[in-house]
Amino acid sequence: MFPYNSLVLTICLFCSFCASSHTSSAQTQTPAKSSYFNCKKTNSAITVDGKADESAWENADWSDYFTDIEGKNKPAPFYTTRFKMLWSDQGLYIYAQLEEPQLQASLTKHDAIIFHDNDFEVFIDPGNDGLNYYEIEVNALNTVWDLKLDKAYSKGGRPDNNWTAAGLETAVALMGSLNNPTDVDNGWSVEMFIPWNSFKENQAPQLGESWKMNFSRVQWRFDTVDGSYLKRKDPKTGHSLPEYNWVWSPMGVVNMHIPEKWGAIKFVNE
């Protein structure tokens, strides 16, 4: 997402990232070291239900665990995040697992600013040139924000909120109860199918081709007030504390919109 410097609302809309102060098993995981992933082809039918329980998913590789957006010099995320991907002649399948002891989501309107909730985000640059790239965000209510950018914000890019990923399918599975601070949850998963004809290029990748892509997770800090989640505030300023930004391919700075720094997804045989 665009850095959180709040010049104007338009810029604020397109940030993304997160924060929290709990500990978990994620501290023992190795942060992502690779920015390269082999996406295997499948001819099997997959139902997008958030569960990824088809046999095709068993053959898909897991990504590295996410790391801080700024890289290994920052503290490792305290909750794990990782993904799998498959591709077919029709489109791209993505499945992500997010460890989370307190499931939270509030936004229900399509194309709302989803990263104001905890969320999972996908960035895709089919042309590998930083032009006409795409972003899809999902929260634990399965609310989607899909948008297209002609180029990075730092290069004068303008977001197109009217772009809709035609034929997009998304589903979320919850391992716990949503918006219930009285219990401890295990996490949530996201599954999606993005048809190739959603993109301007309107064609499937060739076998062996690579696309620039990245994945992000926004994690906010919350306090419980009267049985509800409220974003934790800085006692000095009264503003919400900044979110944590956990990603597959580290950017070195708090800015997802540097497509040349994204990882490479190579489309290979099953």
C-alpha atoms as a PDB file:
ATOM      1  CA  MET A   1       0.000   0.000   0.000  1.00  0.00           C
ATOM      2  CA  PHE A   2       1.017   3.622  -0.221  1.00  0.00           C
ATOM      3  CA  PRO A   3       2.974   4.943   2.789  1.00  0.00           C
ATOM      4  CA  TYR A   4       0.806   6.207   5.639  1.00  0.00           C
ATOM      5  CA  ASN A   5       1.700   9.907   5.554  1.00  0.00           C
ATOM      6  CA  SER A   6      -1.863  11.255   5.221  1.00  0.00           C
ATOM      7  CA  LEU A   7      -1.288  14.007   2.690  1.00  0.00           C
ATOM      8  CA  VAL A   8      -4.871  13.832   1.519  1.00  0.00           C
ATOM      9  CA  LEU A   9      -7.658  11.295   1.851  1.00  0.00           C
ATOM     10  CA  THR A  10      -6.948   9.884  -1.596  1.00  0.00           C
ATOM     11  CA  ILE A  11      -3.460   8.917  -0.476  1.00  0.00           C
ATOM     12  CA  CYS A  12      -4.698   7.592   2.868  1.00  0.00           C
ATOM     13  CA  LEU A  13      -7.114   5.290   1.094  1.00  0.00           C
ATOM     14  CA  PHE A  14      -4.345   3.270  -0.419  1.00  0.00           C
ATOM     15  CA  CYS A  15      -2.077   2.438   2.495  1.00  0.00           C
ATOM     16  CA  SER A  16      -2.008  -0.857   4.229  1.00  0.00           C
ATOM     17  CA  PHE A  17      -0.458  -2.559   7.190  1.00  0.00           C
ATOM     18  CA  CYS A  18      -0.692  -3.481  10.944  1.00  0.00           C
ATOM     19  CA  ALA A  19       0.070  -3.841  14.749  1.00  0.00           C
ATOM     20  CA  SER A  20      -0.365  -5.891  17.985  1.00  0.00           C
ATOM     21  CA  SER A  21       1.453  -6.754  21.211  1.00  0.00           C
ATOM     22  CA  HIS A  22       0.659 -10.440  21.800  1.00  0.00           C
ATOM     23  CA  THR A  23       3.064 -13.354  21.410  1.00  0.00           C
ATOM     24  CA  SER A  24       2.555 -16.701  19.689  1.00  0.00           C
ATOM     25  CA  SER A  25       4.299 -19.556  17.956  1.00  0.00           C
ATOM     26  CA  ALA A  26       5.064 -17.247  15.019  1.00  0.00           C
ATOM     27  CA  GLN A  27       8.103 -15.951  16.899  1.00  0.00           C
ATOM     28  CA  THR A  28       9.790 -19.297  16.307  1.00  0.00           C
ATOM     29  CA  GLN A  29       9.177 -19.262  12.551  1.00  0.00           C
ATOM     30  CA  THR A  30      11.862 -18.225  10.103  1.00  0.00           C
ATOM     31  CA  PRO A  31      10.981 -14.976   8.298  1.00  0.00           C
ATOM     32  CA  ALA A  32      10.608 -15.128   4.546  1.00  0.00           C
ATOM     33  CA  LYS A  33      13.988 -15.400   2.837  1.00  0.00           C
ATOM     34  CA  SER A  34      12.872 -15.961  -0.719  1.00  0.00           C
ATOM     35  CA  SER A  35      11.000 -13.786  -3.153  1.00  0.00           C
ATOM     36  CA  TYR A  36      10.442 -16.568  -5.666  1.00  0.00           C
ATOM     37  CA  PHE A  37       7.605 -19.073  -5.882  1.00  0.00           C
ATOM     38  CA  ASN A  38       6.721 -21.899  -8.268  1.00  0.00           C
ATOM     39  CA  CYS A  39       2.997 -21.855  -8.975  1.00  0.00           C
ATOM     40  CA  LYS A  40       1.972 -25.310 -10.182  1.00  0.00           C
ATOM     41  CA  LYS A  41      -0.653 -25.927 -12.828  1.00  0.00           C
ATOM     42  CA  THR A  42      -3.765 -27.954 -12.076  1.00  0.00           C
ATOM     43  CA  ASN A  43      -6.559 -29.414 -14.163  1.00  0.00           C
ATOM     44  CA  SER A  44      -8.586 -30.453 -11.120  1.00  0.00           C
ATOM     45  CA  ALA A  45     -11.838 -28.827 -10.079  1.00  0.00           C
ATOM     46  CA  ILE A  46     -11.513 -26.546  -7.045  1.00  0.00           C
ATOM     47  CA  THR A  47     -14.398 -25.179  -5.004  1.00  0.00           C
ATOM     48  CA  VAL A  48     -13.649 -21.771  -3.523  1.00  0.00           C
ATOM     49  CA  ASP A  49     -14.908 -22.197   0.053  1.00  0.00           C
ATOM     50  CA  GLY A  50     -11.977 -21.009   2.164  1.00  0.00           C
ATOM     51  CA  LYS A  51     -10.937 -24.559   3.087  1.00  0.00           C
ATOM     52  CA  ALA A  52      -8.603 -25.747   0.302  1.00  0.00           C
ATOM     53  CA  ASP A  53      -9.405 -29.391   1.066  1.00  0.00           C
ATOM     54  CA  GLU A  54      -9.210 -30.642  -2.537  1.00  0.00           C
ATOM     55  CA  SER A  55      -6.404 -33.031  -3.465  1.00  0.00           C
ATOM     56  CA  ALA A  56      -4.979 -30.452  -5.864  1.00  0.00           C
ATOM     57  CA  TRP A  57      -4.047 -28.232  -2.916  1.00  0.00           C
ATOM     58  CA  GLU A  58      -2.081 -31.073  -1.332  1.00  0.00           C
ATOM     59  CA  ASN A  59       0.357 -30.879  -4.258  1.00  0.00           C
ATOM     60  CA  ALA A  60       0.755 -27.100  -4.027  1.00  0.00           C
ATOM     61  CA  ASP A  61       3.820 -25.702  -2.264  1.00  0.00           C
ATOM     62  CA  TRP A  62       3.622 -23.440   0.759  1.00  0.00           C
ATOM     63  CA  SER A  63       5.243 -20.041   0.606  1.00  0.00           C
ATOM     64  CA  ASP A  64       7.731 -18.859   3.192  1.00  0.00           C
ATOM     65  CA  TYR A  65       6.205 -17.313   6.287  1.00  0.00           C
ATOM     66  CA  PHE A  66       5.620 -13.596   6.028  1.00  0.00           C
ATOM     67  CA  THR A  67       8.136 -11.145   7.430  1.00  0.00           C
ATOM     68  CA  ASP A  68       8.007  -7.460   8.329  1.00  0.00           C
ATOM     69  CA  ILE A  69       7.634  -5.217   5.296  1.00  0.00           C
ATOM     70  CA  GLU A  70      10.946  -3.507   6.089  1.00  0.00           C
ATOM     71  CA  GLY A  71      12.832  -6.799   6.187  1.00  0.00           C
ATOM     72  CA  LYS A  72      14.794  -8.950   8.592  1.00  0.00           C
ATOM     73  CA  ASN A  73      16.153  -6.007  10.590  1.00  0.00           C
ATOM     74  CA  LYS A  74      12.674  -5.486  12.020  1.00  0.00           C
ATOM     75  CA  PRO A  75      11.051  -7.834  14.582  1.00  0.00           C
ATOM     76  CA  ALA A  76       9.538 -10.969  13.085  1.00  0.00           C
ATOM     77  CA  PRO A  77       5.731 -11.110  12.950  1.00  0.00           C
ATOM     78  CA  PHE A  78       4.220 -12.667  16.059  1.00  0.00           C
ATOM     79  CA  TYR A  79       1.459 -14.460  14.083  1.00  0.00           C
ATOM     80  CA  THR A  80       2.189 -16.679  11.096  1.00  0.00           C
ATOM     81  CA  THR A  81       0.962 -16.032   7.572  1.00  0.00           C
ATOM     82  CA  ARG A  82       1.645 -18.095   4.464  1.00  0.00           C
ATOM     83  CA  PHE A  83      -0.027 -18.971   1.152  1.00  0.00           C
ATOM     84  CA  LYS A  84      -0.329 -21.548  -1.608  1.00  0.00           C
ATOM     85  CA  MET A  85      -1.114 -20.945  -5.280  1.00  0.00           C
ATOM     86  CA  LEU A  86      -2.248 -22.966  -8.278  1.00  0.00           C
ATOM     87  CA  TRP A  87      -3.069 -21.957 -11.829  1.00  0.00           C
ATOM     88  CA  SER A  88      -5.215 -23.333 -14.617  1.00  0.00           C
ATOM     89  CA  ASP A  89      -6.095 -22.285 -18.140  1.00  0.00           C
ATOM     90  CA  GLN A  90      -8.974 -20.304 -16.647  1.00  0.00           C
ATOM     91  CA  GLY A  91      -7.345 -18.414 -13.786  1.00  0.00           C
ATOM     92  CA  LEU A  92      -5.301 -18.186 -10.609  1.00  0.00           C
ATOM     93  CA  TYR A  93      -6.121 -19.866  -7.286  1.00  0.00           C
ATOM     94  CA  ILE A  94      -4.778 -18.474  -4.008  1.00  0.00           C
ATOM     95  CA  TYR A  95      -5.126 -19.900  -0.514  1.00  0.00           C
ATOM     96  CA  ALA A  96      -3.746 -18.179   2.590  1.00  0.00           C
ATOM     97  CA  GLN A  97      -3.620 -19.141   6.268  1.00  0.00           C
ATOM     98  CA  LEU A  98      -3.447 -16.407   8.917  1.00  0.00           C
ATOM     99  CA  GLU A  99      -2.838 -17.215  12.559  1.00  0.00           C
ATOM    100  CA  GLU A 100      -5.010 -14.926  14.714  1.00  0.00           C
ATOM    101  CA  PRO A 101      -6.127 -15.313  18.360  1.00  0.00           C
ATOM    102  CA  GLN A 102      -8.675 -12.475  18.139  1.00  0.00           C
ATOM    103  CA  LEU A 103     -10.690 -12.525  14.922  1.00  0.00           C
ATOM    104  CA  GLN A 104     -11.890  -9.052  13.980  1.00  0.00           C
ATOM    105  CA  ALA A 105     -13.708  -7.460  11.044  1.00  0.00           C
ATOM    106  CA  SER A 106     -16.292  -4.713  10.672  1.00  0.00           C
ATOM    107  CA  LEU A 107     -16.394  -3.558   7.031  1.00  0.00           C
ATOM    108  CA  THR A 108     -19.146  -5.030   4.870  1.00  0.00           C
ATOM    109  CA  LYS A 109     -19.334  -2.731   1.819  1.00  0.00           C
ATOM    110  CA  HIS A 110     -17.559  -3.723  -1.383  1.00  0.00           C
ATOM    111  CA  ASP A 111     -14.614  -1.423  -2.161  1.00  0.00           C
ATOM    112  CA  ALA A 112     -14.530  -0.043   1.375  1.00  0.00           C
ATOM    113  CA  ILE A 113     -11.041   0.713   2.668  1.00  0.00           C
ATOM    114  CA  ILE A 114     -10.536  -2.874   3.773  1.00  0.00           C
ATOM    115  CA  PHE A 115      -7.148  -2.362   5.423  1.00  0.00           C
ATOM    116  CA  HIS A 116      -8.922  -0.366   8.128  1.00  0.00           C
ATOM    117  CA  ASP A 117      -9.705  -3.908   9.344  1.00  0.00           C
ATOM    118  CA  ASN A 118      -7.157  -6.691   9.662  1.00  0.00           C
ATOM    119  CA  ASP A 119      -6.896  -8.052   6.136  1.00  0.00           C
ATOM    120  CA  PHE A 120      -5.080 -10.117   3.493  1.00  0.00           C
ATOM    121  CA  GLU A 121      -3.910  -8.470   0.268  1.00  0.00           C
ATOM    122  CA  VAL A 122      -2.735  -9.603  -3.177  1.00  0.00           C
ATOM    123  CA  PHE A 123      -0.758  -7.473  -5.655  1.00  0.00           C
ATOM    124  CA  ILE A 124      -0.361  -8.576  -9.288  1.00  0.00           C
ATOM    125  CA  ASP A 125       1.657  -7.046 -12.134  1.00  0.00           C
ATOM    126  CA  PRO A 126       1.072  -9.237 -15.229  1.00  0.00           C
ATOM    127  CA  GLY A 127       3.267  -7.042 -17.426  1.00  0.00           C
ATOM    128  CA  ASN A 128       6.222  -6.964 -15.000  1.00  0.00           C
ATOM    129  CA  ASP A 129       6.679  -3.295 -15.808  1.00  0.00           C
ATOM    130  CA  GLY A 130       5.000  -1.517 -12.883  1.00  0.00           C
ATOM    131  CA  LEU A 131       2.169  -0.371 -15.143  1.00  0.00           C
ATOM    132  CA  ASN A 132      -1.491  -1.387 -14.936  1.00  0.00           C
ATOM    133  CA  TYR A 133      -1.143  -3.545 -11.860  1.00  0.00           C
ATOM    134  CA  TYR A 134      -3.880  -4.877  -9.596  1.00  0.00           C
ATOM    135  CA  GLU A 135      -4.696  -5.153  -5.916  1.00  0.00           C
ATOM    136  CA  ILE A 136      -7.288  -7.269  -4.090  1.00  0.00           C
ATOM    137  CA  GLU A 137      -7.941  -7.035  -0.338  1.00  0.00           C
ATOM    138  CA  VAL A 138     -10.160  -9.288   1.798  1.00  0.00           C
ATOM    139  CA  ASN A 139     -11.152  -9.140   5.472  1.00  0.00           C
ATOM    140  CA  ALA A 140     -12.522 -11.856   7.753  1.00  0.00           C
ATOM    141  CA  LEU A 141     -16.088 -10.988   6.693  1.00  0.00           C
ATOM    142  CA  ASN A 142     -15.080 -11.783   3.098  1.00  0.00           C
ATOM    143  CA  THR A 143     -15.555  -8.154   2.112  1.00  0.00           C
ATOM    144  CA  VAL A 144     -13.486  -7.327  -0.983  1.00  0.00           C
ATOM    145  CA  TRP A 145     -11.731  -4.212  -2.233  1.00  0.00           C
ATOM    146  CA  ASP A 146     -10.414  -4.614  -5.783  1.00  0.00           C
ATOM    147  CA  LEU A 147      -8.646  -1.820  -7.607  1.00  0.00           C
ATOM    148  CA  LYS A 148      -6.248  -1.140 -10.448  1.00  0.00           C
ATOM    149  CA  LEU A 149      -3.369   1.345 -10.656  1.00  0.00           C
ATOM    150  CA  ASP A 150      -1.872   2.658 -13.863  1.00  0.00           C
ATOM    151  CA  LYS A 151       1.480   3.092 -12.083  1.00  0.00           C
ATOM    152  CA  ALA A 152       2.893   3.559  -8.589  1.00  0.00           C
ATOM    153  CA  TYR A 153       1.692   6.511  -6.513  1.00  0.00           C
ATOM    154  CA  SER A 154       5.244   7.840  -6.277  1.00  0.00           C
ATOM    155  CA  LYS A 155       5.261   8.109 -10.087  1.00  0.00           C
ATOM    156  CA  GLY A 156       1.964   9.944 -10.254  1.00  0.00           C
ATOM    157  CA  GLY A 157      -0.207   6.849 -10.427  1.00  0.00           C
ATOM    158  CA  ARG A 158      -3.964   7.082  -9.992  1.00  0.00           C
ATOM    159  CA  PRO A 159      -6.067   4.303  -8.460  1.00  0.00           C
ATOM    160  CA  ASP A 160      -9.071   3.052 -10.405  1.00  0.00           C
ATOM    161  CA  ASN A 161     -11.675   1.979  -7.873  1.00  0.00           C
ATOM    162  CA  ASN A 162     -14.134   1.264 -10.671  1.00  0.00           C
ATOM    163  CA  TRP A 163     -12.105  -1.729 -11.813  1.00  0.00           C
ATOM    164  CA  THR A 164     -13.747  -4.962 -10.744  1.00  0.00           C
ATOM    165  CA  ALA A 165     -12.114  -8.358 -11.031  1.00  0.00           C
ATOM    166  CA  ALA A 166     -14.716  -9.938 -13.302  1.00  0.00           C
ATOM    167  CA  GLY A 167     -15.568 -13.443 -12.152  1.00  0.00           C
ATOM    168  CA  LEU A 168     -13.579 -13.120  -8.934  1.00  0.00           C
ATOM    169  CA  GLU A 169     -14.502 -15.717  -6.305  1.00  0.00           C
ATOM    170  CA  THR A 170     -13.457 -15.337  -2.667  1.00  0.00           C
ATOM    171  CA  ALA A 171     -14.290 -17.238   0.507  1.00  0.00           C
ATOM    172  CA  VAL A 172     -13.172 -17.071   4.124  1.00  0.00           C
ATOM    173  CA  ALA A 173     -13.084 -19.827   6.751  1.00  0.00           C
ATOM    174  CA  LEU A 174     -12.897 -18.857  10.424  1.00  0.00           C
ATOM    175  CA  MET A 175     -11.137 -20.976  13.032  1.00  0.00           C
ATOM    176  CA  GLY A 176     -12.917 -19.328  15.926  1.00  0.00           C
ATOM    177  CA  SER A 177     -15.592 -16.715  16.539  1.00  0.00           C
ATOM    178  CA  LEU A 178     -15.632 -13.298  14.890  1.00  0.00           C
ATOM    179  CA  ASN A 179     -15.651 -10.119  16.987  1.00  0.00           C
ATOM    180  CA  ASN A 180     -15.811 -11.977  20.290  1.00  0.00           C
ATOM    181  CA  PRO A 181     -13.084 -10.742  22.670  1.00  0.00           C
ATOM    182  CA  THR A 182     -14.065 -13.259  25.360  1.00  0.00           C
ATOM    183  CA  ASP A 183     -12.473 -16.270  23.648  1.00  0.00           C
ATOM    184  CA  VAL A 184      -9.204 -17.189  21.938  1.00  0.00           C
ATOM    185  CA  ASP A 185      -9.324 -18.079  18.233  1.00  0.00           C
ATOM    186  CA  ASN A 186      -6.891 -19.963  16.028  1.00  0.00           C
ATOM    187  CA  GLY A 187      -7.064 -17.879  12.878  1.00  0.00           C
ATOM    188  CA  TRP A 188      -8.688 -17.596   9.479  1.00  0.00           C
ATOM    189  CA  SER A 189      -8.072 -18.616   5.902  1.00  0.00           C
ATOM    190  CA  VAL A 190      -8.765 -16.949   2.565  1.00  0.00           C
ATOM    191  CA  GLU A 191      -9.316 -18.708  -0.749  1.00  0.00           C
ATOM    192  CA  MET A 192      -9.793 -16.952  -4.064  1.00  0.00           C
ATOM    193  CA  PHE A 193     -10.016 -17.571  -7.783  1.00  0.00           C
ATOM    194  CA  ILE A 194      -9.049 -14.759 -10.160  1.00  0.00           C
ATOM    195  CA  PRO A 195      -9.929 -15.383 -13.836  1.00  0.00           C
ATOM    196  CA  TRP A 196      -7.275 -14.364 -16.323  1.00  0.00           C
ATOM    197  CA  ASN A 197      -9.835 -12.280 -18.200  1.00  0.00           C
ATOM    198  CA  SER A 198     -10.094 -10.029 -15.125  1.00  0.00           C
ATOM    199  CA  PHE A 199      -6.878  -8.375 -16.238  1.00  0.00           C
ATOM    200  CA  LYS A 200      -6.354  -5.905 -19.034  1.00  0.00           C
ATOM    201  CA  GLU A 201      -3.965  -8.351 -20.690  1.00  0.00           C
ATOM    202  CA  ASN A 202      -6.890 -10.807 -20.838  1.00  0.00           C
ATOM    203  CA  GLN A 203      -4.746 -13.876 -21.281  1.00  0.00           C
ATOM    204  CA  ALA A 204      -3.282 -16.696 -19.255  1.00  0.00           C
ATOM    205  CA  PRO A 205       0.470 -16.744 -18.636  1.00  0.00           C
ATOM    206  CA  GLN A 206       2.598 -19.038 -20.741  1.00  0.00           C
ATOM    207  CA  LEU A 207       4.197 -22.084 -19.162  1.00  0.00           C
ATOM    208  CA  GLY A 208       7.482 -20.975 -17.602  1.00  0.00           C
ATOM    209  CA  GLU A 209       6.488 -17.294 -17.574  1.00  0.00           C
ATOM    210  CA  SER A 210       6.931 -15.244 -14.385  1.00  0.00           C
ATOM    211  CA  TRP A 211       4.784 -12.416 -13.039  1.00  0.00           C
ATOM    212  CA  LYS A 212       5.651  -9.876 -10.392  1.00  0.00           C
ATOM    213  CA  MET A 213       3.423 -10.375  -7.356  1.00  0.00           C
ATOM    214  CA  ASN A 214       3.351  -9.725  -3.632  1.00  0.00           C
ATOM    215  CA  PHE A 215       1.149 -10.478  -0.648  1.00  0.00           C
ATOM    216  CA  SER A 216       0.513  -8.420   2.456  1.00  0.00           C
ATOM    217  CA  ARG A 217      -1.223  -8.769   5.789  1.00  0.00           C
ATOM    218  CA  VAL A 218      -2.450  -5.786   7.801  1.00  0.00           C
ATOM    219  CA  GLN A 219      -2.601  -6.293  11.559  1.00  0.00           C
ATOM    220  CA  TRP A 220      -3.931  -3.624  13.930  1.00  0.00           C
ATOM    221  CA  ARG A 221      -3.626  -3.372  17.698  1.00  0.00           C
ATOM    222  CA  PHE A 222      -6.938  -3.599  19.508  1.00  0.00           C
ATOM    223  CA  ASP A 223      -8.168  -3.113  23.049  1.00  0.00           C
ATOM    224  CA  THR A 224     -11.407  -4.519  24.425  1.00  0.00           C
ATOM    225  CA  VAL A 225     -13.887  -1.869  25.528  1.00  0.00           C
ATOM    226  CA  ASP A 226     -17.388  -2.848  26.701  1.00  0.00           C
ATOM    227  CA  GLY A 227     -17.122  -6.199  24.946  1.00  0.00           C
ATOM    228  CA  SER A 228     -16.024  -4.745  21.610  1.00  0.00           C
ATOM    229  CA  TYR A 229     -12.721  -4.231  19.805  1.00  0.00           C
ATOM    230  CA  LEU A 230     -11.397  -0.688  19.541  1.00  0.00           C
ATOM    231  CA  LYS A 231      -8.126   0.251  17.895  1.00  0.00           C
ATOM    232  CA  ARG A 232      -5.486   1.023  20.490  1.00  0.00           C
ATOM    233  CA  LYS A 233      -4.674   4.716  20.705  1.00  0.00           C
ATOM    234  CA  ASP A 234      -1.498   6.585  21.476  1.00  0.00           C
ATOM    235  CA  PRO A 235      -2.138   8.152  24.912  1.00  0.00           C
ATOM    236  CA  LYS A 236      -0.201  11.263  23.895  1.00  0.00           C
ATOM    237  CA  THR A 237      -1.916  11.997  20.574  1.00  0.00           C
ATOM    238  CA  GLY A 238      -5.207  10.136  20.884  1.00  0.00           C
ATOM    239  CA  HIS A 239      -4.665   8.712  17.387  1.00  0.00           C
ATOM    240  CA  SER A 240      -4.754   5.005  16.576  1.00  0.00           C
ATOM    241  CA  LEU A 241      -1.379   3.324  16.839  1.00  0.00           C
ATOM    242  CA  PRO A 242       0.084   2.376  13.449  1.00  0.00           C
ATOM    243  CA  GLU A 243      -0.649  -1.020  11.998  1.00  0.00           C
ATOM    244  CA  TYR A 244       1.885  -3.782  11.410  1.00  0.00           C
ATOM    245  CA  ASN A 245       2.722  -4.664   7.795  1.00  0.00           C
ATOM    246  CA  TRP A 246       3.667  -8.295   7.187  1.00  0.00           C
ATOM    247  CA  VAL A 247       4.524  -9.382   3.665  1.00  0.00           C
ATOM    248  CA  TRP A 248       5.814 -12.255   1.586  1.00  0.00           C
ATOM    249  CA  SER A 249       8.500 -10.290  -0.259  1.00  0.00           C
ATOM    250  CA  PRO A 250      10.035  -7.553   1.954  1.00  0.00           C
ATOM    251  CA  MET A 251      10.045  -4.060   0.491  1.00  0.00           C
ATOM    252  CA  GLY A 252      12.679  -2.404   2.704  1.00  0.00           C
ATOM    253  CA  VAL A 253      10.283   0.499   3.374  1.00  0.00           C
ATOM    254  CA  VAL A 254       6.657   0.793   4.487  1.00  0.00           C
ATOM    255  CA  ASN A 255       5.279   0.995   0.968  1.00  0.00           C
ATOM    256  CA  MET A 256       3.789  -1.885  -1.017  1.00  0.00           C
ATOM    257  CA  HIS A 257       3.578   0.202  -4.174  1.00  0.00           C
ATOM    258  CA  ILE A 258       7.063  -0.428  -5.504  1.00  0.00           C
ATOM    259  CA  PRO A 259       6.257  -3.212  -8.000  1.00  0.00           C
ATOM    260  CA  GLU A 260       9.886  -3.708  -9.014  1.00  0.00           C
ATOM    261  CA  LYS A 261      10.558  -4.985  -5.482  1.00  0.00           C
ATOM    262  CA  TRP A 262       7.811  -7.602  -5.561  1.00  0.00           C
ATOM    263  CA  GLY A 263       8.635 -11.282  -5.785  1.00  0.00           C
ATOM    264  CA  ALA A 264       8.476 -13.475  -8.885  1.00  0.00           C
ATOM    265  CA  ILE A 265       5.744 -16.067  -9.381  1.00  0.00           C
ATOM    266  CA  LYS A 266       6.727 -18.631 -11.994  1.00  0.00           C
ATOM    267  CA  PHE A 267       3.975 -20.650 -13.661  1.00  0.00           C
ATOM    268  CA  VAL A 268       5.122 -24.272 -13.927  1.00  0.00           C
ATOM    269  CA  ASN A 269       3.677 -27.699 -14.682  1.00  0.00           C
ATOM    270  CA  GLU A 270       1.867 -29.750 -12.069  1.00  0.00           C
END
